[in-house]
Amino acid sequence: MEKIQCQNIKCQGCVKKINEALLQKYPSLRVDIESQSVEVEANNDGITEIKHKLAELGFLNESGILNKLKGFFTK
């Protein structure tokens, strides 16, 4: 099981949004509001895809210079 630390997971609506996006493809996915994390069983490609989707949904702050620049220009 891989644990992905997230942000902004505050309610069941957030859980539902994540589940709708990823649960069908990754049935082992579990979202924990209290720890604001996602646990899932997947290979490295799957984890990358999940992290990308979580970032797209606003639950993961992707690190890296491009995303920092993007954040700088969109604030």
Protein backbone atom coordinates (compact mmCIF):
# COMPACT_ATOMS: atom_id res chain seq x y z
CA MET A 1 0.00 0.00 0.00
CA GLU A 2 1.33 3.41 -0.95
CA LYS A 3 0.35 6.39 1.21
CA ILE A 4 0.13 9.73 -0.59
CA GLN A 5 0.01 12.80 1.64
CA CYS A 6 -2.52 15.28 0.30
CA GLN A 7 -3.98 18.64 1.23
CA ASN A 8 -7.48 20.17 1.33
CA ILE A 9 -9.28 16.86 1.98
CA LYS A 10 -11.83 18.29 4.40
CA CYS A 11 -15.16 16.53 3.90
CA GLN A 12 -17.07 13.65 2.34
CA GLY A 13 -17.52 15.77 -0.79
CA CYS A 14 -13.75 15.76 -1.24
CA VAL A 15 -13.67 11.99 -0.72
CA LYS A 16 -16.46 11.55 -3.28
CA LYS A 17 -14.61 13.71 -5.83
CA ILE A 18 -11.43 11.63 -5.43
CA ASN A 19 -13.34 8.34 -5.52
CA GLU A 20 -15.25 9.34 -8.67
CA ALA A 21 -11.97 10.16 -10.41
CA LEU A 22 -9.91 7.14 -9.32
CA LEU A 23 -11.81 4.36 -7.57
CA GLN A 24 -12.96 2.50 -10.68
CA LYS A 25 -9.41 2.08 -11.96
CA TYR A 26 -7.87 1.63 -8.47
CA PRO A 27 -10.37 -0.34 -6.34
CA SER A 28 -7.96 -0.50 -3.36
CA LEU A 29 -8.06 3.31 -3.02
CA ARG A 30 -8.88 4.60 0.48
CA VAL A 31 -9.22 8.29 1.34
CA ASP A 32 -8.65 9.39 4.95
CA ILE A 33 -10.01 12.83 5.83
CA GLU A 34 -8.35 12.97 9.26
CA SER A 35 -4.80 12.44 7.96
CA GLN A 36 -5.60 14.07 4.58
CA SER A 37 -4.07 11.15 2.76
CA VAL A 38 -4.85 8.56 0.11
CA GLU A 39 -3.75 4.94 0.37
CA VAL A 40 -3.70 2.77 -2.71
CA GLU A 41 -2.12 -0.33 -4.12
CA ALA A 42 -0.58 0.46 -7.50
CA ASN A 43 2.66 0.21 -9.44
CA ASN A 44 4.94 3.22 -10.00
CA ASP A 45 3.10 4.29 -13.17
CA GLY A 46 -0.20 4.04 -11.32
CA ILE A 47 1.10 6.12 -8.41
CA THR A 48 2.33 8.77 -10.85
CA GLU A 49 -1.07 8.82 -12.55
CA ILE A 50 -2.89 9.04 -9.20
CA LYS A 51 -0.67 11.89 -8.01
CA HIS A 52 -1.24 13.75 -11.27
CA LYS A 53 -5.02 13.35 -10.92
CA LEU A 54 -4.94 14.43 -7.26
CA ALA A 55 -2.97 17.54 -8.26
CA GLU A 56 -5.44 18.23 -11.06
CA LEU A 57 -8.30 18.03 -8.55
CA GLY A 58 -6.48 20.38 -6.16
CA PHE A 59 -5.65 17.83 -3.45
CA LEU A 60 -1.92 17.57 -4.10
CA ASN A 61 0.60 20.34 -4.46
CA GLU A 62 2.95 19.07 -7.14
CA SER A 63 6.50 20.11 -6.45
CA GLY A 64 8.94 21.20 -9.07
CA ILE A 65 10.05 24.47 -10.56
CA LEU A 66 7.40 24.56 -13.30
CA ASN A 67 4.55 24.25 -10.83
CA LYS A 68 6.13 26.86 -8.56
CA LEU A 69 6.36 29.24 -11.51
CA LYS A 70 2.81 28.43 -12.56
CA GLY A 71 1.66 29.17 -9.01
CA PHE A 72 3.60 32.43 -8.97
CA PHE A 73 1.93 33.68 -12.14
CA THR A 74 -1.60 32.57 -11.25
CA LYS A 75 -1.76 34.11 -7.77
